Every structure is written in structure tokens, then in C-alpha cells.
Amino acid sequence: MRLEGKTAIITGAGGGFGAAMTRRFSAEGARVLACDWNLNSVEKLATELSADGRDVRSRKVDVSDSGQVAEMFEAALAAFGRVDILVNNAGISPKKLYLEYTEDEWDAVQSINLKGEYLCARAVSEHMMENKYGRIVNFSSSAWRSGGFAGGVPYTAAKAGVIGLTRSLAKMLGPFGITVNAIAPGPSATGMTDAWLEEWSKTNLANIPLGRVGQPDDIANAALFLASDEAEYVTGICLDVNGGIAMGG
């Protein structure tokens, strides 16, 4: 199994991409601390997977709160003894027109989608540096290339910031055997997109060369590669998983 003996923290694990990654990573042998602001969702997931013999724990975490993030890391250490993989998946995407956003709403989006990834990476970095090993997978979005399909201006700006964060961390942590990469999903079928994806698809599906929207397993498979030792010489990249709707340059 590709993650046998490894331990992972996955944020935003209550549904969509996060739940799919928790299932995929644990199926490949990883022990996982599944974290989400919605404790019920990750408790249900952990109970289900634990019944199948997998070592999956759950924890409520607000990734914009540095104290809660530090406690999350300590909980992972207490449960597993080490942390090898961090997947920064937690995010929010309120749907409003540009001029409708308040300053507080802008701050909330940046705090979860950008600062949260920084705080989680900071929490695990020293431990990974000591171990001379680590895999950090950040989550951006195809919005950073396209300017956004349905996500608002704060979301698009935050996801662009994740690319800069990823590249900077990759340079800083590479000498310690730690890879840092990002995934940029395109329009995908998750709970976050329920409100707009069906209507969007009616007029925009033809713009996706592969002819369909993404599924959580598409993203989970990409994350598994970046978290595995198969990607040990891959760092500082943004892996586009979007069916071709936004092609990087």
C-alpha cells in the first residue's frame, strides 16, 4: 500500500474532497486525523472507516484559529506519534457579487482559505524538519488562473495566494526532505458547489475538454500521488485537476 506506515492530517475532511481523501489515504494504509469545523461529519466518517479496520480519528478544528491548529497537531502526535502528511483542504466560498462583500466577509475568506493553510503548515513544519521527511499538499483552485468561475473575488484572491505560499514553503522546507505542492481543482461536484454547479454546467460544460465536471475521487487520486513517495522529487508545483478547463502556463 502506498501510504503504509504513514500518518496524515486532513483538514476540511467532513465532505467532498476531504472525505474522499480520507477514504483513499486510509485505504492505502495511512492513519488519518480527519479534521473539520463540523465535528459530526468527521465523527461519522471516522466511525464508518474504523469499522472497516482503518485507523481514522476525528477532531473539530477551525483552521483560522492558531490555538486550535496547535491543538490539532498535538492531538495527531498523541494518537499516532508522528505526522508525515498534511493536506490543507479546508475552505469556504460564499457566493456574492464583488461589491456585495463586506470587509468582515473578505477577512473570513482569507482567514480560512489562506491563513489557515499557513497556520497548519507552520504547526507541522518543525516536526517534519526534525524527521527530515514530510509531504504538505495545499489546496488552491482553477480560479487562480481563470479569475474565477463561480467563486467570488475574495476566494479567487486567496487561492492565488496559496500558490505563492506553496512555492515559498517548498523553497524553505525542501532542504529538510519536505515537499510542498498545491492542487487546483476545477469545477467539481461537492457540497460547496451544490448551489450553482448544475446551472453552470448547462452553458459551460462544453468548455471542459474532457466533457465532465470533476468528482471528489479525481482530486483524491491526485492528492495521493503528491502525498506518496512516488512524488519525492516533485515540489513547488500546482497540479491542475480540472479536465482541461484552465491550462497552466
Protein backbone atom coordinates (compact mmCIF):
# COMPACT_ATOMS: atom_id res chain seq x y z
CA MET A 1 0.00 0.00 0.00
CA ARG A 2 1.31 3.41 -0.99
CA LEU A 3 0.95 5.11 2.41
CA GLU A 4 1.65 2.15 4.66
CA GLY A 5 3.11 3.33 7.98
CA LYS A 6 2.41 7.00 7.26
CA THR A 7 0.23 9.37 9.27
CA ALA A 8 -1.80 12.23 7.86
CA ILE A 9 -3.77 15.26 8.97
CA ILE A 10 -6.53 16.18 6.52
CA THR A 11 -8.49 19.39 7.07
CA GLY A 12 -11.94 20.01 5.66
CA ALA A 13 -12.44 16.26 5.87
CA GLY A 14 -16.16 16.32 6.55
CA GLY A 15 -17.26 16.02 2.94
CA GLY A 16 -16.38 16.44 -0.71
CA PHE A 17 -12.66 16.35 -1.43
CA GLY A 18 -11.70 15.92 2.23
CA ALA A 19 -13.86 12.85 2.81
CA ALA A 20 -12.68 11.31 -0.46
CA MET A 21 -9.04 11.86 0.51
CA THR A 22 -9.62 10.40 3.97
CA ARG A 23 -11.11 7.28 2.39
CA ARG A 24 -8.34 7.00 -0.20
CA PHE A 25 -5.44 7.64 2.16
CA SER A 26 -6.72 5.23 4.80
CA ALA A 27 -7.34 2.56 2.14
CA GLU A 28 -3.66 2.95 1.19
CA GLY A 29 -2.54 2.28 4.76
CA ALA A 30 -2.32 5.75 6.31
CA ARG A 31 -3.51 6.58 9.78
CA VAL A 32 -5.58 9.74 9.47
CA LEU A 33 -6.73 12.54 11.74
CA ALA A 34 -9.80 13.84 9.89
CA CYS A 35 -10.49 17.45 10.88
CA ASP A 36 -13.38 19.78 10.15
CA TRP A 37 -15.29 22.63 11.78
CA ASN A 38 -18.33 20.31 11.60
CA LEU A 39 -17.43 17.65 14.16
CA ASN A 40 -20.46 15.48 13.43
CA SER A 41 -19.40 15.00 9.81
CA VAL A 42 -15.90 13.76 10.63
CA GLU A 43 -17.08 11.66 13.58
CA LYS A 44 -19.47 9.85 11.26
CA LEU A 45 -16.71 9.31 8.69
CA ALA A 46 -14.21 8.08 11.29
CA THR A 47 -16.75 5.68 12.77
CA GLU A 48 -17.54 4.26 9.35
CA LEU A 49 -13.93 3.76 8.34
CA SER A 50 -12.83 2.47 11.74
CA ALA A 51 -15.49 -0.23 11.48
CA ASP A 52 -13.67 -1.30 8.32
CA GLY A 53 -10.44 -1.72 10.27
CA ARG A 54 -8.84 1.62 9.37
CA ASP A 55 -7.22 3.92 11.93
CA VAL A 56 -9.11 7.18 11.39
CA ARG A 57 -9.66 9.69 14.21
CA SER A 58 -11.79 12.84 14.15
CA ARG A 59 -11.35 16.34 15.52
CA LYS A 60 -13.18 19.66 15.35
CA VAL A 61 -10.86 22.42 14.13
CA ASP A 62 -11.21 26.00 12.98
CA VAL A 63 -8.07 26.36 10.87
CA SER A 64 -8.13 30.14 11.18
CA ASP A 65 -7.51 29.81 14.94
CA SER A 66 -3.82 29.24 15.68
CA GLY A 67 -4.60 27.77 19.10
CA GLN A 68 -6.94 25.16 17.66
CA VAL A 69 -4.42 24.36 14.93
CA ALA A 70 -1.68 23.78 17.51
CA GLU A 71 -4.01 21.52 19.48
CA MET A 72 -4.84 19.61 16.28
CA PHE A 73 -1.15 18.89 15.72
CA GLU A 74 -0.68 17.78 19.33
CA ALA A 75 -3.72 15.50 19.05
CA ALA A 76 -2.20 13.87 15.96
CA LEU A 77 1.08 13.33 17.79
CA ALA A 78 -0.74 11.85 20.79
CA ALA A 79 -2.70 9.49 18.55
CA PHE A 80 -0.02 8.45 16.08
CA GLY A 81 3.38 9.51 17.43
CA ARG A 82 4.33 11.43 14.29
CA VAL A 83 2.89 13.41 11.39
CA ASP A 84 4.14 12.65 7.88
CA ILE A 85 1.48 14.27 5.69
CA LEU A 86 -0.60 17.43 5.92
CA VAL A 87 -3.42 18.10 3.48
CA ASN A 88 -4.65 21.70 3.68
CA ASN A 89 -8.13 21.28 2.21
CA ALA A 90 -10.39 23.39 4.47
CA GLY A 91 -12.02 26.28 2.64
CA ILE A 92 -15.11 28.42 2.23
CA SER A 93 -16.56 30.12 -0.84
CA PRO A 94 -19.51 32.45 -0.23
CA LYS A 95 -21.25 33.43 -3.45
CA LYS A 96 -21.74 37.17 -3.78
CA LEU A 97 -21.11 39.84 -6.34
CA TYR A 98 -17.87 41.78 -5.96
CA LEU A 99 -19.39 44.94 -4.46
CA GLU A 100 -21.63 42.99 -2.09
CA TYR A 101 -18.79 41.62 0.04
CA THR A 102 -18.21 43.26 3.41
CA GLU A 103 -14.78 43.71 4.90
CA ASP A 104 -15.56 41.07 7.52
CA GLU A 105 -16.52 38.59 4.78
CA TRP A 106 -13.29 39.29 2.93
CA ASP A 107 -11.33 38.66 6.14
CA ALA A 108 -13.20 35.42 6.83
CA VAL A 109 -12.40 34.01 3.40
CA GLN A 110 -8.71 34.93 3.68
CA SER A 111 -8.52 33.54 7.21
CA ILE A 112 -9.83 30.11 6.26
CA ASN A 113 -8.54 29.70 2.71
CA LEU A 114 -5.08 31.27 3.00
CA LYS A 115 -4.08 31.97 6.59
CA GLY A 116 -5.46 28.60 7.64
CA GLU A 117 -3.12 26.78 5.25
CA TYR A 118 -0.18 28.81 6.55
CA LEU A 119 -1.07 28.09 10.19
CA CYS A 120 -1.42 24.36 9.59
CA ALA A 121 1.84 24.18 7.66
CA ARG A 122 3.61 26.14 10.40
CA ALA A 123 2.26 23.77 13.05
CA VAL A 124 3.78 20.67 11.42
CA SER A 125 6.94 22.13 9.89
CA GLU A 126 9.36 21.92 12.82
CA HIS A 127 8.33 18.32 13.50
CA MET A 128 8.78 17.38 9.84
CA MET A 129 12.13 19.19 9.71
CA GLU A 130 13.34 17.16 12.67
CA ASN A 131 12.22 13.95 10.95
CA LYS A 132 13.78 15.01 7.62
CA TYR A 133 10.55 13.98 5.95
CA GLY A 134 7.18 15.48 5.12
CA ARG A 135 4.50 15.93 2.50
CA ILE A 136 2.37 19.09 2.51
CA VAL A 137 -0.45 19.31 -0.02
CA ASN A 138 -2.16 22.69 -0.23
CA PHE A 139 -5.43 23.43 -1.97
CA SER A 140 -5.74 26.21 -4.49
CA SER A 141 -8.34 26.36 -7.28
CA SER A 142 -8.50 26.78 -11.04
CA ALA A 143 -9.97 30.18 -10.12
CA TRP A 144 -6.43 31.49 -9.60
CA ARG A 145 -5.75 31.01 -13.32
CA SER A 146 -9.17 31.90 -14.73
CA GLY A 147 -10.19 34.73 -12.42
CA GLY A 148 -12.99 32.52 -11.09
CA PHE A 149 -15.95 30.63 -12.50
CA ALA A 150 -18.37 30.96 -9.62
CA GLY A 151 -16.16 31.79 -6.64
CA GLY A 152 -16.09 35.41 -5.59
CA VAL A 153 -13.23 37.88 -5.61
CA PRO A 154 -12.03 37.08 -2.04
CA TYR A 155 -11.94 33.35 -2.84
CA THR A 156 -10.01 33.84 -6.08
CA ALA A 157 -7.51 36.14 -4.38
CA ALA A 158 -6.97 33.68 -1.53
CA LYS A 159 -6.44 30.77 -3.90
CA ALA A 160 -3.87 32.78 -5.84
CA GLY A 161 -2.14 33.45 -2.53
CA VAL A 162 -1.96 29.70 -1.88
CA ILE A 163 0.27 29.33 -4.94
CA GLY A 164 2.75 31.86 -3.55
CA LEU A 165 2.60 30.21 -0.15
CA THR A 166 3.24 26.81 -1.69
CA ARG A 167 6.26 27.92 -3.68
CA SER A 168 7.79 29.80 -0.76
CA LEU A 169 7.34 26.87 1.62
CA ALA A 170 8.75 24.48 -0.97
CA LYS A 171 11.97 26.53 -1.07
CA MET A 172 12.21 26.86 2.69
CA LEU A 173 11.43 23.24 3.54
CA GLY A 174 12.98 21.37 0.64
CA PRO A 175 16.44 21.08 2.27
CA PHE A 176 14.75 19.12 5.08
CA GLY A 177 13.23 16.46 2.84
CA ILE A 178 9.80 18.06 2.84
CA THR A 179 7.84 18.54 -0.36
CA VAL A 180 5.15 21.21 -0.64
CA ASN A 181 2.74 21.18 -3.56
CA ALA A 182 -0.69 22.51 -4.44
CA ILE A 183 -3.72 21.08 -6.19
CA ALA A 184 -6.00 23.35 -8.21
CA PRO A 185 -9.35 21.63 -8.78
CA GLY A 186 -11.70 22.83 -11.49
CA PRO A 187 -15.49 22.88 -11.15
CA SER A 188 -16.29 19.73 -9.19
CA ALA A 189 -19.30 18.03 -7.64
CA THR A 190 -19.05 18.73 -3.89
CA GLY A 191 -21.32 20.16 -1.23
CA MET A 192 -19.71 23.56 -1.74
CA THR A 193 -20.86 23.63 -5.37
CA ASP A 194 -24.40 22.31 -4.92
CA ALA A 195 -25.92 25.78 -5.21
CA TRP A 196 -24.50 26.60 -8.64
CA LEU A 197 -22.86 23.68 -10.44
CA GLU A 198 -25.92 22.24 -12.18
CA GLU A 199 -26.95 25.56 -13.66
CA TRP A 200 -23.35 26.42 -14.54
CA SER A 201 -22.92 23.11 -16.34
CA LYS A 202 -25.80 23.81 -18.72
CA THR A 203 -23.86 26.53 -20.51
CA ASN A 204 -20.23 25.82 -19.59
CA LEU A 205 -19.72 22.06 -19.74
CA ALA A 206 -18.65 22.32 -23.36
CA ASN A 207 -15.65 24.38 -22.22
CA ILE A 208 -14.22 21.36 -20.39
CA PRO A 209 -12.22 19.31 -22.94
CA LEU A 210 -12.80 16.06 -21.04
CA GLY A 211 -16.54 16.71 -21.11
CA ARG A 212 -17.47 16.40 -17.43
CA VAL A 213 -17.10 18.14 -14.10
CA GLY A 214 -14.67 16.78 -11.55
CA GLN A 215 -15.51 14.25 -8.87
CA PRO A 216 -14.02 14.04 -5.38
CA ASP A 217 -12.14 10.87 -6.28
CA ASP A 218 -10.37 12.71 -9.12
CA ILE A 219 -8.90 15.06 -6.54
CA ALA A 220 -8.20 12.30 -4.01
CA ASN A 221 -6.15 10.39 -6.58
CA ALA A 222 -4.03 13.47 -7.31
CA ALA A 223 -3.51 14.17 -3.62
CA LEU A 224 -2.49 10.55 -3.03
CA PHE A 225 0.26 10.87 -5.62
CA LEU A 226 1.62 14.10 -4.12
CA ALA A 227 1.48 12.62 -0.61
CA SER A 228 3.25 9.43 -1.60
CA ASP A 229 6.93 8.63 -2.07
CA GLU A 230 6.27 8.41 -5.82
CA ALA A 231 6.37 12.22 -5.76
CA GLU A 232 9.55 12.55 -3.72
CA TYR A 233 11.19 14.69 -6.44
CA VAL A 234 8.15 16.89 -7.02
CA THR A 235 7.88 20.13 -5.07
CA GLY A 236 6.64 23.68 -5.56
CA ILE A 237 4.15 22.75 -8.28
CA CYS A 238 0.47 23.41 -8.78
CA LEU A 239 -1.20 20.28 -10.15
CA ASP A 240 -4.24 21.27 -12.22
CA VAL A 241 -7.04 18.72 -11.89
CA ASN A 242 -9.75 20.36 -13.96
CA GLY A 243 -10.47 18.38 -17.11
CA GLY A 244 -8.58 20.98 -19.14
CA ILE A 245 -10.84 23.97 -18.49
CA ALA A 246 -7.90 26.07 -17.29
CA MET A 247 -4.49 25.14 -18.62
CA GLY A 248 -1.43 26.37 -16.79
CA GLY A 249 1.49 28.21 -18.24
